């Protein structure tokens, strides 16, 4: 049975490196774009 996103975050909070890798791969691009947007692309 697949793990929900909420469960994945709970596993991450308890130290799961696998959960970190899964969540990182899902959100790193979106997070990068958000940071670039709010920081004006570091200009």
N, C-alpha and C. Protein backbone atom coordinates (compact mmCIF):
# COMPACT_ATOMS: atom_id res chain seq x y z
N UNK A 1 0.85 -1.19 0.00
CA UNK A 1 0.00 0.00 0.00
C UNK A 1 0.89 1.25 0.00
N UNK A 2 0.62 2.20 -0.89
CA UNK A 2 1.44 3.42 -0.96
C UNK A 2 1.33 4.26 0.31
N UNK A 3 2.41 4.94 0.61
CA UNK A 3 2.45 5.83 1.77
C UNK A 3 1.95 7.20 1.32
N UNK A 4 1.10 7.82 2.15
CA UNK A 4 0.61 9.15 1.82
C UNK A 4 1.70 10.18 2.07
N UNK A 5 1.51 11.36 1.50
CA UNK A 5 2.47 12.44 1.70
C UNK A 5 2.60 12.78 3.19
N UNK A 6 1.47 12.81 3.88
CA UNK A 6 1.48 13.11 5.32
C UNK A 6 2.30 12.07 6.09
N UNK A 7 2.11 10.81 5.73
CA UNK A 7 2.88 9.73 6.38
C UNK A 7 4.37 9.86 6.05
N UNK A 8 4.66 10.25 4.81
CA UNK A 8 6.05 10.43 4.39
C UNK A 8 6.72 11.52 5.23
N UNK A 9 6.00 12.61 5.47
CA UNK A 9 6.54 13.70 6.29
C UNK A 9 6.77 13.22 7.72
N UNK A 10 5.87 12.44 8.25
CA UNK A 10 6.05 11.90 9.60
C UNK A 10 7.28 10.99 9.66
N UNK A 11 7.47 10.17 8.64
CA UNK A 11 8.66 9.32 8.58
C UNK A 11 9.93 10.17 8.50
N UNK A 12 9.87 11.24 7.71
CA UNK A 12 11.00 12.15 7.61
C UNK A 12 11.32 12.76 8.97
N UNK A 13 10.29 13.19 9.69
CA UNK A 13 10.49 13.79 11.01
C UNK A 13 11.12 12.81 12.00
N UNK A 14 10.91 11.52 11.76
CA UNK A 14 11.51 10.53 12.65
C UNK A 14 12.87 10.06 12.14
N UNK A 15 13.38 10.72 11.07
CA UNK A 15 14.75 10.45 10.64
C UNK A 15 14.92 9.59 9.40
N UNK A 16 13.86 9.33 8.67
CA UNK A 16 13.96 8.47 7.49
C UNK A 16 14.65 9.18 6.33
N UNK A 17 15.82 8.70 5.96
CA UNK A 17 16.55 9.25 4.83
C UNK A 17 15.81 8.95 3.52
N UNK A 18 15.20 7.79 3.42
CA UNK A 18 14.43 7.43 2.23
C UNK A 18 13.27 8.41 2.03
N UNK A 19 12.60 8.78 3.10
CA UNK A 19 11.51 9.76 3.01
C UNK A 19 12.04 11.11 2.57
N UNK A 20 13.21 11.49 3.07
CA UNK A 20 13.83 12.74 2.63
C UNK A 20 14.07 12.70 1.13
N UNK A 21 14.62 11.61 0.64
CA UNK A 21 14.92 11.48 -0.79
C UNK A 21 13.65 11.56 -1.63
N UNK A 22 12.59 10.92 -1.17
CA UNK A 22 11.32 10.93 -1.90
C UNK A 22 10.74 12.34 -1.93
N UNK A 23 10.67 12.98 -0.77
CA UNK A 23 10.09 14.33 -0.71
C UNK A 23 10.97 15.34 -1.43
N UNK A 24 12.27 15.18 -1.32
CA UNK A 24 13.20 16.08 -2.02
C UNK A 24 12.99 15.98 -3.53
N UNK A 25 12.89 14.76 -4.03
CA UNK A 25 12.72 14.59 -5.48
C UNK A 25 11.39 15.15 -5.95
N UNK A 26 10.38 15.13 -5.10
CA UNK A 26 9.07 15.65 -5.48
C UNK A 26 9.00 17.17 -5.41
N UNK A 27 9.72 17.79 -4.49
CA UNK A 27 9.53 19.21 -4.23
C UNK A 27 10.73 20.11 -4.46
N UNK A 28 11.89 19.58 -4.76
CA UNK A 28 13.08 20.43 -4.88
C UNK A 28 12.94 21.47 -5.97
N UNK A 29 12.39 21.11 -7.11
CA UNK A 29 12.21 22.06 -8.20
C UNK A 29 11.25 23.17 -7.84
N UNK A 30 10.13 22.81 -7.25
CA UNK A 30 9.14 23.81 -6.85
C UNK A 30 9.70 24.72 -5.76
N UNK A 31 10.43 24.14 -4.83
CA UNK A 31 11.02 24.94 -3.76
C UNK A 31 12.07 25.89 -4.31
N UNK A 32 12.89 25.42 -5.21
CA UNK A 32 13.91 26.27 -5.84
C UNK A 32 13.24 27.44 -6.56
N UNK A 33 12.21 27.15 -7.36
CA UNK A 33 11.51 28.21 -8.09
C UNK A 33 10.88 29.22 -7.14
N UNK A 34 10.31 28.75 -6.05
CA UNK A 34 9.70 29.64 -5.06
C UNK A 34 10.76 30.55 -4.43
N UNK A 35 11.88 29.97 -4.04
CA UNK A 35 12.95 30.76 -3.42
C UNK A 35 13.49 31.79 -4.40
N UNK A 36 13.67 31.41 -5.65
CA UNK A 36 14.15 32.37 -6.65
C UNK A 36 13.15 33.50 -6.84
N UNK A 37 11.87 33.17 -6.81
CA UNK A 37 10.83 34.19 -6.99
C UNK A 37 10.82 35.17 -5.83
N UNK A 38 10.82 34.67 -4.60
CA UNK A 38 10.73 35.57 -3.45
C UNK A 38 12.03 36.33 -3.20
N UNK A 39 13.14 35.82 -3.73
CA UNK A 39 14.41 36.51 -3.55
C UNK A 39 14.79 37.34 -4.79
N UNK A 40 13.86 37.46 -5.73
CA UNK A 40 14.10 38.17 -6.99
C UNK A 40 15.31 37.61 -7.73
N UNK A 41 15.49 36.33 -7.67
CA UNK A 41 16.58 35.67 -8.39
C UNK A 41 17.95 36.04 -7.87
N UNK A 42 18.01 36.49 -6.61
CA UNK A 42 19.27 36.84 -5.94
C UNK A 42 19.95 38.02 -6.64
N UNK A 43 19.15 38.95 -7.12
CA UNK A 43 19.70 40.14 -7.80
C UNK A 43 19.97 41.26 -6.83
